[in-house]
Amino acid sequence: MSRKKKGDEALRKVVAEIWGESLIINEHNIEKFMLESNTIEGESRINPGDIEAVESALPNNIMMIEDILEIHSILGEYLKEDWVGRFREVNIRVGDNTDFPEAKKVPPLMEAYMFNFDKMDSWEAHNRFEKIHPFRDLNGRMGRIIWLMKALKEGYRFGIPFLQMYYYQTLERYKI
């Protein structure tokens, strides 16, 4: 067994001991997930479309670029911006970070991303998505929805308040 697989299995075991073997995906837990996700972004509320966006992704409903665009559209509908649900057409920065691909490179990068999507685990899918940063905004929330969908498919079971700690551990493991 590879070192990565052993590490994944050990992490699953610790998580199961702490949080129990199963996570029931229902509106209450999805709401908790999005509240935790939004907290990472500095918001302490559920936004319109948050619950529906997660429900659209689960279980395992991201198969094509159109699925990602549709979920982003649902997630950002409340913003009432014309760029919601479309890949960015401008170069971006997040704080001082400008190390993102040029806007014109986003569509082919996302094509390659989706070509390999089924082969990626939750960490890789999330971190490759964040490295591309395909939207003008809401990339973190989209990435966490992708991460949740993949993590649940991989068999991870955890309590939602665990999200923030686990999420940052996955970022540390992949190091963008």
N, C-alpha and C. Protein backbone atom coordinates (compact mmCIF):
# COMPACT_ATOMS: atom_id res chain seq x y z
N MET A 1 0.86 -1.17 0.00
CA MET A 1 0.00 0.00 0.00
C MET A 1 0.90 1.24 0.00
N SER A 2 0.58 2.22 -0.83
CA SER A 2 1.39 3.43 -0.93
C SER A 2 1.31 4.24 0.36
N ARG A 3 2.30 5.12 0.55
CA ARG A 3 2.31 5.98 1.73
C ARG A 3 1.08 6.88 1.76
N LYS A 4 0.68 7.39 0.58
CA LYS A 4 -0.50 8.25 0.49
C LYS A 4 -1.74 7.48 0.92
N LYS A 5 -1.91 6.25 0.41
CA LYS A 5 -3.08 5.43 0.76
C LYS A 5 -3.09 5.11 2.25
N LYS A 6 -1.91 4.80 2.83
CA LYS A 6 -1.83 4.53 4.26
C LYS A 6 -2.22 5.77 5.05
N GLY A 7 -1.75 6.94 4.61
CA GLY A 7 -2.09 8.19 5.28
C GLY A 7 -3.58 8.47 5.19
N ASP A 8 -4.17 8.25 4.00
CA ASP A 8 -5.61 8.45 3.83
C ASP A 8 -6.39 7.53 4.75
N GLU A 9 -5.98 6.27 4.82
CA GLU A 9 -6.69 5.31 5.66
C GLU A 9 -6.56 5.68 7.14
N ALA A 10 -5.38 6.11 7.55
CA ALA A 10 -5.17 6.52 8.94
C ALA A 10 -6.04 7.73 9.27
N LEU A 11 -6.11 8.68 8.34
CA LEU A 11 -6.93 9.87 8.57
C LEU A 11 -8.41 9.49 8.67
N ARG A 12 -8.87 8.60 7.79
CA ARG A 12 -10.28 8.15 7.86
C ARG A 12 -10.58 7.53 9.22
N LYS A 13 -9.62 6.73 9.73
CA LYS A 13 -9.81 6.05 11.01
C LYS A 13 -9.91 7.07 12.15
N VAL A 14 -9.03 8.05 12.17
CA VAL A 14 -9.06 9.08 13.21
C VAL A 14 -10.36 9.87 13.13
N VAL A 15 -10.74 10.24 11.93
CA VAL A 15 -11.98 11.00 11.74
C VAL A 15 -13.18 10.19 12.23
N ALA A 16 -13.21 8.90 11.89
CA ALA A 16 -14.32 8.05 12.32
C ALA A 16 -14.37 7.94 13.84
N GLU A 17 -13.19 7.84 14.49
CA GLU A 17 -13.16 7.76 15.95
C GLU A 17 -13.68 9.04 16.59
N ILE A 18 -13.35 10.18 15.98
CA ILE A 18 -13.76 11.47 16.55
C ILE A 18 -15.21 11.78 16.24
N TRP A 19 -15.62 11.59 15.00
CA TRP A 19 -16.91 12.10 14.54
C TRP A 19 -17.94 11.03 14.23
N GLY A 20 -17.57 9.78 14.33
CA GLY A 20 -18.55 8.74 14.03
C GLY A 20 -18.40 8.25 12.59
N GLU A 21 -19.02 7.16 12.32
CA GLU A 21 -18.86 6.50 11.03
C GLU A 21 -19.67 7.10 9.90
N SER A 22 -20.70 7.84 10.21
CA SER A 22 -21.53 8.28 9.09
C SER A 22 -21.93 9.74 9.23
N LEU A 23 -22.13 10.35 8.11
CA LEU A 23 -22.63 11.71 8.04
C LEU A 23 -23.91 11.64 7.22
N ILE A 24 -24.98 12.05 7.82
CA ILE A 24 -26.25 12.08 7.10
C ILE A 24 -26.30 13.39 6.33
N ILE A 25 -26.42 13.28 5.02
CA ILE A 25 -26.52 14.47 4.20
C ILE A 25 -27.98 14.87 4.13
N ASN A 26 -28.29 15.93 4.84
CA ASN A 26 -29.64 16.47 4.81
C ASN A 26 -29.51 17.99 4.80
N GLU A 27 -30.62 18.68 4.69
CA GLU A 27 -30.56 20.14 4.58
C GLU A 27 -29.88 20.78 5.78
N HIS A 28 -30.10 20.23 6.97
CA HIS A 28 -29.47 20.77 8.17
C HIS A 28 -27.94 20.69 8.09
N ASN A 29 -27.41 19.53 7.70
CA ASN A 29 -25.97 19.37 7.60
C ASN A 29 -25.39 20.14 6.43
N ILE A 30 -26.12 20.25 5.34
CA ILE A 30 -25.65 21.07 4.22
C ILE A 30 -25.58 22.53 4.64
N GLU A 31 -26.56 22.96 5.41
CA GLU A 31 -26.55 24.34 5.90
C GLU A 31 -25.33 24.57 6.80
N LYS A 32 -25.03 23.61 7.67
CA LYS A 32 -23.85 23.72 8.52
C LYS A 32 -22.57 23.77 7.67
N PHE A 33 -22.51 22.92 6.65
CA PHE A 33 -21.35 22.89 5.76
C PHE A 33 -21.14 24.26 5.11
N MET A 34 -22.22 24.83 4.57
CA MET A 34 -22.08 26.12 3.90
C MET A 34 -21.79 27.25 4.87
N LEU A 35 -22.32 27.16 6.07
CA LEU A 35 -22.00 28.18 7.07
C LEU A 35 -20.51 28.12 7.41
N GLU A 36 -19.99 26.91 7.59
CA GLU A 36 -18.54 26.74 7.82
C GLU A 36 -17.75 27.25 6.62
N SER A 37 -18.19 26.90 5.41
CA SER A 37 -17.50 27.33 4.19
C SER A 37 -17.50 28.85 4.08
N ASN A 38 -18.64 29.46 4.36
CA ASN A 38 -18.72 30.92 4.28
C ASN A 38 -17.89 31.58 5.38
N THR A 39 -17.79 30.93 6.53
CA THR A 39 -16.97 31.45 7.62
C THR A 39 -15.51 31.54 7.19
N ILE A 40 -15.05 30.56 6.44
CA ILE A 40 -13.68 30.60 5.90
C ILE A 40 -13.49 31.86 5.06
N GLU A 41 -14.56 32.30 4.41
CA GLU A 41 -14.51 33.50 3.57
C GLU A 41 -14.78 34.78 4.37
N GLY A 42 -15.00 34.65 5.67
CA GLY A 42 -15.24 35.81 6.51
C GLY A 42 -16.70 36.23 6.60
N GLU A 43 -17.60 35.36 6.18
CA GLU A 43 -19.03 35.64 6.28
C GLU A 43 -19.65 34.71 7.32
N SER A 44 -20.63 35.21 8.05
CA SER A 44 -21.27 34.37 9.08
C SER A 44 -22.73 34.15 8.76
N ARG A 45 -23.02 33.87 7.52
CA ARG A 45 -24.42 33.68 7.10
C ARG A 45 -24.49 32.66 5.95
N ILE A 46 -25.69 32.20 5.73
CA ILE A 46 -26.00 31.38 4.56
C ILE A 46 -26.52 32.34 3.50
N ASN A 47 -25.99 32.23 2.31
CA ASN A 47 -26.44 33.08 1.21
C ASN A 47 -27.51 32.36 0.41
N PRO A 48 -28.38 33.11 -0.26
CA PRO A 48 -29.36 32.47 -1.14
C PRO A 48 -28.63 31.61 -2.17
N GLY A 49 -29.11 30.41 -2.37
CA GLY A 49 -28.50 29.50 -3.34
C GLY A 49 -27.46 28.56 -2.77
N ASP A 50 -26.97 28.81 -1.55
CA ASP A 50 -25.93 27.95 -0.98
C ASP A 50 -26.39 26.49 -0.86
N ILE A 51 -27.55 26.28 -0.28
CA ILE A 51 -28.06 24.92 -0.06
C ILE A 51 -28.30 24.24 -1.40
N GLU A 52 -28.96 24.93 -2.31
CA GLU A 52 -29.26 24.35 -3.62
C GLU A 52 -27.98 24.01 -4.39
N ALA A 53 -26.93 24.84 -4.25
CA ALA A 53 -25.67 24.56 -4.95
C ALA A 53 -25.05 23.26 -4.47
N VAL A 54 -25.04 23.04 -3.14
CA VAL A 54 -24.49 21.80 -2.61
C VAL A 54 -25.35 20.62 -3.04
N GLU A 55 -26.66 20.76 -2.93
CA GLU A 55 -27.55 19.68 -3.33
C GLU A 55 -27.38 19.34 -4.81
N SER A 56 -27.05 20.32 -5.63
CA SER A 56 -26.83 20.07 -7.06
C SER A 56 -25.57 19.25 -7.29
N ALA A 57 -24.59 19.38 -6.39
CA ALA A 57 -23.32 18.66 -6.55
C ALA A 57 -23.38 17.25 -5.98
N LEU A 58 -24.25 17.03 -5.01
CA LEU A 58 -24.31 15.73 -4.33
C LEU A 58 -25.48 14.92 -4.83
N PRO A 59 -25.37 13.66 -4.93
CA PRO A 59 -24.15 12.89 -4.82
C PRO A 59 -23.48 12.76 -6.18
N ASN A 60 -22.26 13.16 -6.25
CA ASN A 60 -21.41 12.94 -7.43
C ASN A 60 -22.03 13.45 -8.72
N ASN A 61 -22.57 14.65 -8.71
CA ASN A 61 -23.25 15.18 -9.90
C ASN A 61 -22.41 16.14 -10.72
N ILE A 62 -21.11 16.19 -10.48
CA ILE A 62 -20.24 17.02 -11.33
C ILE A 62 -19.56 16.08 -12.30
N MET A 63 -19.99 16.17 -13.53
CA MET A 63 -19.47 15.28 -14.56
C MET A 63 -18.86 16.05 -15.73
N MET A 64 -19.32 17.28 -15.93
CA MET A 64 -18.89 18.07 -17.09
C MET A 64 -18.68 19.52 -16.66
N ILE A 65 -18.02 20.27 -17.52
CA ILE A 65 -17.83 21.70 -17.27
C ILE A 65 -19.16 22.38 -17.04
N GLU A 66 -20.16 22.01 -17.79
CA GLU A 66 -21.49 22.62 -17.65
C GLU A 66 -22.04 22.46 -16.23
N ASP A 67 -21.71 21.35 -15.58
CA ASP A 67 -22.16 21.14 -14.20
C ASP A 67 -21.51 22.15 -13.25
N ILE A 68 -20.23 22.38 -13.44
CA ILE A 68 -19.52 23.36 -12.61
C ILE A 68 -20.08 24.76 -12.85
N LEU A 69 -20.32 25.10 -14.11
CA LEU A 69 -20.89 26.41 -14.43
C LEU A 69 -22.29 26.57 -13.84
N GLU A 70 -23.09 25.53 -13.90
CA GLU A 70 -24.45 25.58 -13.34
C GLU A 70 -24.42 25.74 -11.83
N ILE A 71 -23.56 25.01 -11.15
CA ILE A 71 -23.47 25.12 -9.69
C ILE A 71 -22.98 26.52 -9.30
N HIS A 72 -22.01 27.04 -10.03
CA HIS A 72 -21.54 28.40 -9.77
C HIS A 72 -22.66 29.41 -9.99
N SER A 73 -23.46 29.18 -11.00
CA SER A 73 -24.60 30.07 -11.29
C SER A 73 -25.59 30.07 -10.12
N ILE A 74 -25.88 28.90 -9.58
CA ILE A 74 -26.79 28.78 -8.44
C ILE A 74 -26.17 29.46 -7.21
N LEU A 75 -24.90 29.18 -6.97
CA LEU A 75 -24.20 29.70 -5.81
C LEU A 75 -24.14 31.23 -5.82
N GLY A 76 -23.96 31.82 -6.99
CA GLY A 76 -23.78 33.26 -7.07
C GLY A 76 -24.97 34.05 -7.58
N GLU A 77 -26.10 33.39 -7.76
CA GLU A 77 -27.27 34.07 -8.31
C GLU A 77 -27.64 35.33 -7.53
N TYR A 78 -27.50 35.28 -6.21
CA TYR A 78 -27.88 36.42 -5.37
C TYR A 78 -27.01 37.65 -5.65
N LEU A 79 -25.84 37.47 -6.25
CA LEU A 79 -24.96 38.60 -6.55
C LEU A 79 -25.48 39.46 -7.71
N LYS A 80 -26.32 38.86 -8.54
CA LYS A 80 -26.91 39.56 -9.68
C LYS A 80 -25.84 40.19 -10.58
N GLU A 81 -24.79 39.42 -10.84
CA GLU A 81 -23.70 39.87 -11.71
C GLU A 81 -23.73 39.05 -13.00
N ASP A 82 -23.36 39.67 -14.11
CA ASP A 82 -23.40 38.97 -15.40
C ASP A 82 -22.30 37.92 -15.54
N TRP A 83 -21.27 37.95 -14.70
CA TRP A 83 -20.19 36.99 -14.80
C TRP A 83 -20.46 35.69 -14.02
N VAL A 84 -21.51 35.66 -13.22
CA VAL A 84 -21.84 34.46 -12.45
C VAL A 84 -22.23 33.34 -13.41
N GLY A 85 -21.65 32.16 -13.20
CA GLY A 85 -21.94 31.01 -14.06
C GLY A 85 -21.12 30.99 -15.33
N ARG A 86 -20.13 31.87 -15.40
CA ARG A 86 -19.23 31.93 -16.57
C ARG A 86 -17.79 32.00 -16.09
N PHE A 87 -16.89 31.39 -16.86
CA PHE A 87 -15.48 31.50 -16.50
C PHE A 87 -15.04 32.96 -16.62
N ARG A 88 -14.10 33.32 -15.80
CA ARG A 88 -13.66 34.71 -15.77
C ARG A 88 -13.02 35.12 -17.10
N GLU A 89 -13.22 36.36 -17.43
CA GLU A 89 -12.64 36.94 -18.64
C GLU A 89 -11.66 38.05 -18.28
N VAL A 90 -11.31 38.12 -17.00
CA VAL A 90 -10.36 39.10 -16.50
C VAL A 90 -9.33 38.38 -15.66
N ASN A 91 -8.15 38.97 -15.55
CA ASN A 91 -7.14 38.44 -14.65
C ASN A 91 -7.51 38.86 -13.24
N ILE A 92 -7.14 38.06 -12.27
CA ILE A 92 -7.59 38.30 -10.90
C ILE A 92 -6.42 38.30 -9.92
N ARG A 93 -6.72 38.77 -8.74
CA ARG A 93 -5.82 38.69 -7.60
C ARG A 93 -6.68 38.38 -6.38
N VAL A 94 -6.10 37.69 -5.43
CA VAL A 94 -6.75 37.43 -4.16
C VAL A 94 -5.78 37.93 -3.11
N GLY A 95 -6.11 39.06 -2.50
CA GLY A 95 -5.17 39.71 -1.60
C GLY A 95 -3.95 40.13 -2.40
N ASP A 96 -2.79 39.68 -1.97
CA ASP A 96 -1.56 39.99 -2.69
C ASP A 96 -1.22 38.93 -3.74
N ASN A 97 -1.99 37.84 -3.77
CA ASN A 97 -1.70 36.73 -4.68
C ASN A 97 -2.21 37.03 -6.09
N THR A 98 -1.31 37.09 -7.03
CA THR A 98 -1.68 37.26 -8.44
C THR A 98 -1.22 36.06 -9.25
N ASP A 99 -0.86 34.99 -8.56
CA ASP A 99 -0.29 33.81 -9.21
C ASP A 99 -1.38 32.87 -9.73
N PHE A 100 -2.25 33.42 -10.57
CA PHE A 100 -3.31 32.63 -11.19
C PHE A 100 -3.14 32.69 -12.70
N PRO A 101 -3.61 31.69 -13.41
CA PRO A 101 -3.48 31.71 -14.87
C PRO A 101 -4.20 32.91 -15.48
N GLU A 102 -3.67 33.36 -16.61
CA GLU A 102 -4.35 34.43 -17.34
C GLU A 102 -5.75 33.95 -17.71
N ALA A 103 -6.67 34.89 -17.80
CA ALA A 103 -8.07 34.56 -18.09
C ALA A 103 -8.21 33.74 -19.37
N LYS A 104 -7.45 34.07 -20.39
CA LYS A 104 -7.58 33.35 -21.67
C LYS A 104 -7.17 31.88 -21.56
N LYS A 105 -6.43 31.53 -20.51
CA LYS A 105 -6.00 30.14 -20.32
C LYS A 105 -7.02 29.31 -19.53
N VAL A 106 -8.00 29.97 -18.93
CA VAL A 106 -8.95 29.26 -18.05
C VAL A 106 -9.74 28.19 -18.80
N PRO A 107 -10.38 28.48 -19.95
CA PRO A 107 -11.16 27.42 -20.61
C PRO A 107 -10.36 26.16 -20.93
N PRO A 108 -9.16 26.26 -21.54
CA PRO A 108 -8.43 25.01 -21.79
C PRO A 108 -7.95 24.32 -20.51
N LEU A 109 -7.62 25.10 -19.50
CA LEU A 109 -7.23 24.49 -18.22
C LEU A 109 -8.40 23.74 -17.60
N MET A 110 -9.59 24.30 -17.69
CA MET A 110 -10.77 23.62 -17.14
C MET A 110 -11.14 22.39 -17.98
N GLU A 111 -10.90 22.44 -19.27
CA GLU A 111 -11.11 21.24 -20.10
C GLU A 111 -10.19 20.11 -19.63
N ALA A 112 -8.92 20.44 -19.40
CA ALA A 112 -7.96 19.44 -18.92
C ALA A 112 -8.35 18.96 -17.52
N TYR A 113 -8.78 19.88 -16.68
CA TYR A 113 -9.22 19.55 -15.33
C TYR A 113 -10.35 18.52 -15.38
N MET A 114 -11.36 18.79 -16.17
CA MET A 114 -12.50 17.87 -16.25
C MET A 114 -12.13 16.55 -16.92
N PHE A 115 -11.18 16.58 -17.84
CA PHE A 115 -10.72 15.35 -18.48
C PHE A 115 -10.15 14.39 -17.44
N ASN A 116 -9.48 14.95 -16.43
CA ASN A 116 -8.84 14.14 -15.39
C ASN A 116 -9.64 14.06 -14.09
N PHE A 117 -10.80 14.67 -14.05
CA PHE A 117 -11.57 14.82 -12.82
C PHE A 117 -11.85 13.49 -12.12
N ASP A 118 -12.27 12.48 -12.85
CA ASP A 118 -12.61 11.19 -12.23
C ASP A 118 -11.40 10.51 -11.61
N LYS A 119 -10.20 10.84 -12.07
CA LYS A 119 -8.98 10.21 -11.56
C LYS A 119 -8.45 10.92 -10.32
N MET A 120 -8.96 12.11 -10.03
CA MET A 120 -8.45 12.91 -8.90
C MET A 120 -9.16 12.55 -7.62
N ASP A 121 -8.41 12.57 -6.50
CA ASP A 121 -9.06 12.44 -5.21
C ASP A 121 -9.53 13.82 -4.75
N SER A 122 -10.12 13.88 -3.58
CA SER A 122 -10.71 15.14 -3.09
C SER A 122 -9.67 16.24 -2.95
N TRP A 123 -8.51 15.91 -2.47
CA TRP A 123 -7.47 16.92 -2.29
C TRP A 123 -7.03 17.48 -3.63
N GLU A 124 -6.72 16.58 -4.53
CA GLU A 124 -6.21 17.02 -5.83
C GLU A 124 -7.28 17.79 -6.61
N ALA A 125 -8.51 17.31 -6.61
CA ALA A 125 -9.59 18.00 -7.33
C ALA A 125 -9.78 19.41 -6.78
N HIS A 126 -9.81 19.53 -5.48
CA HIS A 126 -9.98 20.84 -4.86
C HIS A 126 -8.81 21.77 -5.18
N ASN A 127 -7.62 21.30 -4.96
CA ASN A 127 -6.46 22.17 -5.11
C ASN A 127 -6.14 22.52 -6.55
N ARG A 128 -6.37 21.62 -7.47
CA ARG A 128 -6.20 21.99 -8.89
C ARG A 128 -7.23 23.05 -9.29
N PHE A 129 -8.46 22.88 -8.80
CA PHE A 129 -9.50 23.87 -9.08
C PHE A 129 -9.08 25.23 -8.54
N GLU A 130 -8.61 25.27 -7.30
CA GLU A 130 -8.21 26.54 -6.69
C GLU A 130 -7.01 27.16 -7.40
N LYS A 131 -6.12 26.34 -7.88
CA LYS A 131 -4.95 26.85 -8.61
C LYS A 131 -5.38 27.53 -9.91
N ILE A 132 -6.39 26.99 -10.57
CA ILE A 132 -6.93 27.60 -11.80
C ILE A 132 -7.73 28.85 -11.46
N HIS A 133 -8.49 28.80 -10.38
CA HIS A 133 -9.35 29.92 -9.96
C HIS A 133 -10.17 30.42 -11.16
N PRO A 134 -11.07 29.57 -11.67
CA PRO A 134 -11.71 29.86 -12.95
C PRO A 134 -12.76 30.97 -12.94
N PHE A 135 -13.19 31.41 -11.77
CA PHE A 135 -14.25 32.43 -11.71
C PHE A 135 -13.72 33.73 -11.12
N ARG A 136 -14.47 34.79 -11.31
CA ARG A 136 -14.10 36.08 -10.73
C ARG A 136 -14.24 36.05 -9.21
N ASP A 137 -15.18 35.28 -8.72
CA ASP A 137 -15.43 35.19 -7.28
C ASP A 137 -16.08 33.84 -7.00
N LEU A 138 -16.15 33.48 -5.76
CA LEU A 138 -16.78 32.24 -5.26
C LEU A 138 -15.96 30.99 -5.56
N ASN A 139 -14.70 31.14 -5.92
CA ASN A 139 -13.85 29.98 -6.20
C ASN A 139 -13.65 29.10 -4.97
N GLY A 140 -13.45 29.73 -3.80
CA GLY A 140 -13.25 28.94 -2.58
C GLY A 140 -14.46 28.10 -2.25
N ARG A 141 -15.64 28.70 -2.34
CA ARG A 141 -16.87 27.95 -2.03
C ARG A 141 -17.09 26.83 -3.05
N MET A 142 -16.85 27.13 -4.32
CA MET A 142 -16.99 26.09 -5.35
C MET A 142 -16.00 24.96 -5.10
N GLY A 143 -14.77 25.33 -4.78
CA GLY A 143 -13.75 24.32 -4.51
C GLY A 143 -14.12 23.43 -3.34
N ARG A 144 -14.70 24.03 -2.30
CA ARG A 144 -15.10 23.23 -1.14
C ARG A 144 -16.29 22.33 -1.46
N ILE A 145 -17.18 22.77 -2.32
CA ILE A 145 -18.29 21.90 -2.74
C ILE A 145 -17.73 20.72 -3.52
N ILE A 146 -16.79 20.98 -4.42
CA ILE A 146 -16.15 19.89 -5.17
C ILE A 146 -15.44 18.95 -4.20
N TRP A 147 -14.72 19.53 -3.24
CA TRP A 147 -14.00 18.75 -2.25
C TRP A 147 -14.97 17.86 -1.46
N LEU A 148 -16.10 18.42 -1.00
CA LEU A 148 -17.06 17.65 -0.23
C LEU A 148 -17.62 16.49 -1.05
N MET A 149 -18.00 16.76 -2.29
CA MET A 149 -18.55 15.71 -3.14
C MET A 149 -17.55 14.56 -3.29
N LYS A 150 -16.30 14.89 -3.57
CA LYS A 150 -15.27 13.87 -3.75
C LYS A 150 -14.96 13.15 -2.43
N ALA A 151 -14.85 13.91 -1.33
CA ALA A 151 -14.52 13.30 -0.04
C ALA A 151 -15.58 12.30 0.39
N LEU A 152 -16.84 12.64 0.20
CA LEU A 152 -17.91 11.71 0.55
C LEU A 152 -17.87 10.47 -0.34
N LYS A 153 -17.58 10.68 -1.61
CA LYS A 153 -17.48 9.53 -2.52
C LYS A 153 -16.32 8.62 -2.12
N GLU A 154 -15.25 9.20 -1.58
CA GLU A 154 -14.08 8.43 -1.14
C GLU A 154 -14.32 7.70 0.17
N GLY A 155 -15.45 8.00 0.81
CA GLY A 155 -15.76 7.31 2.05
C GLY A 155 -15.46 8.09 3.31
N TYR A 156 -15.00 9.32 3.18
CA TYR A 156 -14.80 10.13 4.37
C TYR A 156 -16.13 10.41 5.02
N ARG A 157 -16.17 10.28 6.33
CA ARG A 157 -17.36 10.57 7.11
C ARG A 157 -16.91 11.43 8.28
N PHE A 158 -17.49 12.57 8.41
CA PHE A 158 -17.04 13.50 9.44
C PHE A 158 -18.16 14.43 9.80
N GLY A 159 -18.08 14.99 10.99
CA GLY A 159 -19.04 15.98 11.43
C GLY A 159 -18.75 17.30 10.73
N ILE A 160 -19.76 18.01 10.37
CA ILE A 160 -19.59 19.25 9.62
C ILE A 160 -18.71 20.28 10.34
N PRO A 161 -18.79 20.48 11.67
CA PRO A 161 -17.91 21.47 12.29
C PRO A 161 -16.43 21.14 12.10
N PHE A 162 -16.15 19.91 11.74
CA PHE A 162 -14.79 19.47 11.47
C PHE A 162 -14.26 20.04 10.15
N LEU A 163 -15.16 20.56 9.32
CA LEU A 163 -14.80 21.01 7.98
C LEU A 163 -13.60 21.94 7.96
N GLN A 164 -13.64 22.99 8.75
CA GLN A 164 -12.59 24.00 8.65
C GLN A 164 -11.21 23.41 8.94
N MET A 165 -11.08 22.64 10.02
CA MET A 165 -9.79 22.05 10.35
C MET A 165 -9.35 21.08 9.27
N TYR A 166 -10.25 20.22 8.84
CA TYR A 166 -9.92 19.22 7.82
C TYR A 166 -9.58 19.90 6.50
N TYR A 167 -10.33 20.91 6.14
CA TYR A 167 -10.10 21.65 4.90
C TYR A 167 -8.68 22.22 4.87
N TYR A 168 -8.27 22.86 5.95
CA TYR A 168 -6.94 23.44 5.98
C TYR A 168 -5.85 22.37 5.99
N GLN A 169 -6.14 21.20 6.57
CA GLN A 169 -5.18 20.11 6.49
C GLN A 169 -5.01 19.63 5.05
N THR A 170 -6.09 19.59 4.30
CA THR A 170 -5.97 19.16 2.91
C THR A 170 -5.18 20.18 2.10
N LEU A 171 -5.38 21.46 2.37
CA LEU A 171 -4.59 22.49 1.67
C LEU A 171 -3.11 22.33 1.99
N GLU A 172 -2.80 22.09 3.26
CA GLU A 172 -1.42 21.93 3.67
C GLU A 172 -0.80 20.72 2.99
N ARG A 173 -1.56 19.66 2.86
CA ARG A 173 -1.04 18.43 2.26
C ARG A 173 -0.70 18.64 0.80
N TYR A 174 -1.50 19.38 0.08
CA TYR A 174 -1.28 19.53 -1.36
C TYR A 174 -0.34 20.67 -1.70
N LYS A 175 -0.29 21.70 -0.89
CA LYS A 175 0.56 22.89 -1.10
C LYS A 175 0.52 23.36 -2.55
N ILE A 176 -0.29 24.34 -2.79
CA ILE A 176 -0.42 24.91 -4.14
C ILE A 176 0.86 25.64 -4.48
